[in-house]
């Protein structure tokens, strides 16, 4: 899991993460990186929720999957585990 702060300053993000712990990797992008990333994923706003598979393909995108995110993530993780087990 990776959180990416766009259009923000690292100091603000660090302060926010102290108040709201996020035990996963996190990156802060500058204006150019933010513009580029938002364009690549065609994100229309912040926050945007995008699930990218191990192969780099976008599996889910937008707010619709947010309401049952846990179930969707669990389903993808089970599928990934099954595929990896069958490849051994």
N, C-alpha and C. Protein backbone atom coordinates (compact mmCIF):
# COMPACT_ATOMS: atom_id res chain seq x y z
N UNK A 1 0.85 -1.17 0.00
CA UNK A 1 0.00 0.00 0.00
C UNK A 1 0.90 1.23 0.00
N UNK A 2 0.48 2.20 -0.74
CA UNK A 2 1.24 3.43 -0.86
C UNK A 2 0.28 4.62 -0.87
N UNK A 3 0.54 5.58 -0.01
CA UNK A 3 -0.19 6.84 -0.04
C UNK A 3 0.71 7.86 -0.73
N UNK A 4 0.11 8.67 -1.56
CA UNK A 4 0.88 9.71 -2.25
C UNK A 4 0.19 11.05 -2.02
N UNK A 5 0.92 11.96 -1.40
CA UNK A 5 0.39 13.30 -1.18
C UNK A 5 0.73 14.15 -2.40
N UNK A 6 -0.30 14.74 -2.99
CA UNK A 6 -0.10 15.61 -4.15
C UNK A 6 -0.47 17.03 -3.77
N UNK A 7 0.19 17.98 -4.42
CA UNK A 7 -0.08 19.40 -4.19
C UNK A 7 0.05 19.76 -2.71
N UNK A 8 1.05 19.21 -2.03
CA UNK A 8 1.21 19.44 -0.61
C UNK A 8 2.68 19.62 -0.26
N UNK A 9 2.94 20.03 0.97
CA UNK A 9 4.30 20.22 1.44
C UNK A 9 4.65 19.10 2.41
N UNK A 10 5.88 18.64 2.35
CA UNK A 10 6.31 17.50 3.16
C UNK A 10 6.11 17.76 4.66
N UNK A 11 6.36 18.98 5.12
CA UNK A 11 6.21 19.29 6.54
C UNK A 11 4.76 19.10 7.00
N UNK A 12 3.81 19.57 6.17
CA UNK A 12 2.38 19.41 6.50
C UNK A 12 1.99 17.94 6.54
N UNK A 13 2.49 17.18 5.59
CA UNK A 13 2.17 15.77 5.52
C UNK A 13 2.75 15.03 6.72
N UNK A 14 3.98 15.35 7.09
CA UNK A 14 4.62 14.71 8.25
C UNK A 14 3.82 15.00 9.51
N UNK A 15 3.38 16.24 9.69
CA UNK A 15 2.57 16.61 10.85
C UNK A 15 1.25 15.84 10.85
N UNK A 16 0.61 15.78 9.70
CA UNK A 16 -0.66 15.05 9.57
C UNK A 16 -0.48 13.57 9.93
N UNK A 17 0.61 12.97 9.47
CA UNK A 17 0.85 11.55 9.73
C UNK A 17 1.14 11.28 11.20
N UNK A 18 1.65 12.27 11.91
CA UNK A 18 1.85 12.10 13.36
C UNK A 18 0.49 12.08 14.08
N UNK A 19 -0.43 12.90 13.61
CA UNK A 19 -1.77 12.96 14.19
C UNK A 19 -2.63 11.77 13.75
N UNK A 20 -2.44 11.33 12.53
CA UNK A 20 -3.22 10.25 11.92
C UNK A 20 -2.24 9.20 11.38
N UNK A 21 -1.78 8.30 12.25
CA UNK A 21 -0.77 7.32 11.80
C UNK A 21 -1.24 6.49 10.60
N UNK A 22 -0.33 6.33 9.68
CA UNK A 22 -0.57 5.52 8.49
C UNK A 22 0.61 4.55 8.38
N UNK A 23 0.43 3.32 8.81
CA UNK A 23 1.55 2.38 8.86
C UNK A 23 1.89 1.73 7.52
N UNK A 24 2.04 2.54 6.51
CA UNK A 24 2.41 2.05 5.18
C UNK A 24 3.30 3.09 4.52
N UNK A 25 3.85 2.76 3.38
CA UNK A 25 4.73 3.67 2.66
C UNK A 25 3.97 4.92 2.22
N UNK A 26 4.71 6.02 2.16
CA UNK A 26 4.10 7.28 1.81
C UNK A 26 5.09 8.13 1.00
N UNK A 27 4.59 8.85 0.03
CA UNK A 27 5.43 9.74 -0.78
C UNK A 27 4.75 11.10 -0.88
N UNK A 28 5.56 12.13 -1.05
CA UNK A 28 5.05 13.49 -1.25
C UNK A 28 5.61 13.98 -2.58
N UNK A 29 4.73 14.39 -3.47
CA UNK A 29 5.16 14.85 -4.79
C UNK A 29 5.13 16.37 -4.88
N UNK A 30 6.06 16.91 -5.65
CA UNK A 30 6.05 18.35 -5.92
C UNK A 30 4.97 18.65 -6.97
N UNK A 31 4.83 19.90 -7.35
CA UNK A 31 3.78 20.31 -8.29
C UNK A 31 3.87 19.54 -9.61
N UNK A 32 5.07 19.46 -10.17
CA UNK A 32 5.24 18.77 -11.45
C UNK A 32 4.87 17.29 -11.34
N UNK A 33 5.35 16.64 -10.29
CA UNK A 33 5.04 15.22 -10.08
C UNK A 33 3.56 15.00 -9.83
N UNK A 34 2.94 15.92 -9.09
CA UNK A 34 1.51 15.82 -8.81
C UNK A 34 0.70 15.94 -10.10
N UNK A 35 1.03 16.93 -10.91
CA UNK A 35 0.33 17.11 -12.19
C UNK A 35 0.47 15.87 -13.07
N UNK A 36 1.68 15.35 -13.12
CA UNK A 36 1.95 14.18 -13.97
C UNK A 36 1.16 12.96 -13.48
N UNK A 37 1.21 12.70 -12.17
CA UNK A 37 0.51 11.54 -11.61
C UNK A 37 -1.00 11.65 -11.80
N UNK A 38 -1.54 12.83 -11.53
CA UNK A 38 -2.99 13.03 -11.70
C UNK A 38 -3.38 12.80 -13.15
N UNK A 39 -2.53 13.19 -14.09
CA UNK A 39 -2.81 12.96 -15.50
C UNK A 39 -2.73 11.50 -15.88
N UNK A 40 -1.72 10.81 -15.39
CA UNK A 40 -1.54 9.39 -15.72
C UNK A 40 -2.77 8.59 -15.29
N UNK A 41 -3.24 8.84 -14.06
CA UNK A 41 -4.37 8.08 -13.53
C UNK A 41 -5.71 8.75 -13.78
N UNK A 42 -5.69 9.87 -14.48
CA UNK A 42 -6.90 10.63 -14.79
C UNK A 42 -7.73 10.88 -13.53
N UNK A 43 -7.03 11.21 -12.45
CA UNK A 43 -7.69 11.49 -11.18
C UNK A 43 -8.36 12.85 -11.27
N UNK A 44 -9.58 12.93 -10.80
CA UNK A 44 -10.35 14.15 -10.91
C UNK A 44 -10.32 14.99 -9.64
N UNK A 45 -9.74 14.47 -8.58
CA UNK A 45 -9.70 15.22 -7.34
C UNK A 45 -8.89 14.49 -6.29
N UNK A 46 -8.83 15.11 -5.12
CA UNK A 46 -8.08 14.56 -4.01
C UNK A 46 -9.03 14.45 -2.82
N UNK A 47 -9.13 13.33 -2.16
CA UNK A 47 -8.35 12.12 -2.43
C UNK A 47 -8.93 11.33 -3.59
N UNK A 48 -8.08 10.54 -4.20
CA UNK A 48 -8.47 9.58 -5.23
C UNK A 48 -8.03 8.21 -4.77
N UNK A 49 -8.85 7.24 -5.01
CA UNK A 49 -8.55 5.87 -4.59
C UNK A 49 -8.33 5.03 -5.83
N UNK A 50 -7.11 4.50 -5.96
CA UNK A 50 -6.75 3.73 -7.14
C UNK A 50 -6.06 2.46 -6.68
N UNK A 51 -6.56 1.34 -7.14
CA UNK A 51 -5.95 0.05 -6.82
C UNK A 51 -5.21 -0.43 -8.06
N UNK A 52 -3.89 -0.56 -7.92
CA UNK A 52 -3.04 -0.97 -9.02
C UNK A 52 -2.52 -2.37 -8.72
N UNK A 53 -2.65 -3.28 -9.68
CA UNK A 53 -2.21 -4.65 -9.51
C UNK A 53 -0.70 -4.78 -9.64
N UNK A 54 -0.18 -5.96 -9.31
CA UNK A 54 1.26 -6.20 -9.37
C UNK A 54 1.84 -6.00 -10.78
N UNK A 55 1.00 -6.14 -11.79
CA UNK A 55 1.45 -5.97 -13.17
C UNK A 55 1.35 -4.51 -13.64
N UNK A 56 0.93 -3.61 -12.73
CA UNK A 56 0.83 -2.20 -13.07
C UNK A 56 -0.50 -1.78 -13.67
N UNK A 57 -1.42 -2.71 -13.84
CA UNK A 57 -2.73 -2.37 -14.39
C UNK A 57 -3.65 -1.83 -13.30
N UNK A 58 -4.47 -0.84 -13.66
CA UNK A 58 -5.44 -0.29 -12.72
C UNK A 58 -6.59 -1.28 -12.58
N UNK A 59 -6.82 -1.74 -11.34
CA UNK A 59 -7.87 -2.71 -11.07
C UNK A 59 -9.17 -2.04 -10.65
N UNK A 60 -9.06 -1.01 -9.85
CA UNK A 60 -10.23 -0.26 -9.37
C UNK A 60 -9.83 1.21 -9.31
N UNK A 61 -10.82 2.08 -9.50
CA UNK A 61 -10.53 3.51 -9.50
C UNK A 61 -11.78 4.28 -9.14
N UNK A 62 -11.62 5.40 -8.45
CA UNK A 62 -12.74 6.27 -8.13
C UNK A 62 -13.28 6.03 -6.74
N UNK A 63 -14.41 6.65 -6.46
CA UNK A 63 -15.00 6.58 -5.13
C UNK A 63 -15.95 5.41 -4.96
N UNK A 64 -16.45 4.84 -6.03
CA UNK A 64 -17.47 3.79 -5.94
C UNK A 64 -16.98 2.58 -5.14
N UNK A 65 -15.72 2.21 -5.31
CA UNK A 65 -15.23 1.01 -4.61
C UNK A 65 -14.82 1.31 -3.19
N UNK A 66 -14.79 2.57 -2.80
CA UNK A 66 -14.37 2.95 -1.45
C UNK A 66 -15.28 2.37 -0.38
N UNK A 67 -16.59 2.30 -0.65
CA UNK A 67 -17.55 1.86 0.37
C UNK A 67 -17.35 0.39 0.77
N UNK A 68 -16.85 -0.43 -0.12
CA UNK A 68 -16.57 -1.82 0.24
C UNK A 68 -15.12 -2.19 -0.11
N UNK A 69 -14.23 -1.27 0.21
CA UNK A 69 -12.81 -1.42 -0.09
C UNK A 69 -12.21 -2.67 0.54
N UNK A 70 -12.57 -2.95 1.81
CA UNK A 70 -11.99 -4.12 2.49
C UNK A 70 -12.31 -5.42 1.76
N UNK A 71 -13.55 -5.57 1.35
CA UNK A 71 -13.95 -6.79 0.64
C UNK A 71 -13.25 -6.90 -0.71
N UNK A 72 -13.18 -5.80 -1.43
CA UNK A 72 -12.54 -5.81 -2.74
C UNK A 72 -11.06 -6.14 -2.62
N UNK A 73 -10.38 -5.51 -1.65
CA UNK A 73 -8.96 -5.80 -1.43
C UNK A 73 -8.76 -7.27 -1.05
N UNK A 74 -9.62 -7.77 -0.18
CA UNK A 74 -9.52 -9.18 0.23
C UNK A 74 -9.67 -10.09 -0.99
N UNK A 75 -10.64 -9.81 -1.85
CA UNK A 75 -10.85 -10.62 -3.05
C UNK A 75 -9.61 -10.61 -3.95
N UNK A 76 -9.04 -9.43 -4.17
CA UNK A 76 -7.84 -9.35 -5.01
C UNK A 76 -6.66 -10.06 -4.36
N UNK A 77 -6.52 -9.93 -3.04
CA UNK A 77 -5.41 -10.60 -2.35
C UNK A 77 -5.56 -12.12 -2.43
N UNK A 78 -6.78 -12.61 -2.29
CA UNK A 78 -7.02 -14.06 -2.41
C UNK A 78 -6.68 -14.53 -3.82
N UNK A 79 -7.11 -13.77 -4.84
CA UNK A 79 -6.80 -14.12 -6.22
C UNK A 79 -5.30 -14.14 -6.46
N UNK A 80 -4.60 -13.14 -5.94
CA UNK A 80 -3.15 -13.05 -6.10
C UNK A 80 -2.45 -14.22 -5.43
N UNK A 81 -2.89 -14.56 -4.20
CA UNK A 81 -2.31 -15.71 -3.49
C UNK A 81 -2.55 -17.01 -4.25
N UNK A 82 -3.74 -17.17 -4.82
CA UNK A 82 -4.06 -18.38 -5.58
C UNK A 82 -3.18 -18.51 -6.80
N UNK A 83 -2.99 -17.41 -7.52
CA UNK A 83 -2.16 -17.42 -8.72
C UNK A 83 -0.71 -17.74 -8.35
N UNK A 84 -0.19 -17.10 -7.30
CA UNK A 84 1.18 -17.33 -6.89
C UNK A 84 1.38 -18.77 -6.42
N UNK A 85 0.41 -19.34 -5.73
CA UNK A 85 0.51 -20.72 -5.26
C UNK A 85 0.51 -21.70 -6.43
N UNK A 86 -0.29 -21.43 -7.45
CA UNK A 86 -0.36 -22.34 -8.60
C UNK A 86 0.89 -22.28 -9.47
N UNK A 87 1.63 -21.15 -9.37
CA UNK A 87 2.85 -20.99 -10.15
C UNK A 87 4.04 -21.71 -9.54
N UNK A 88 3.91 -22.12 -8.29
CA UNK A 88 5.05 -22.79 -7.61
C UNK A 88 5.17 -24.23 -8.00
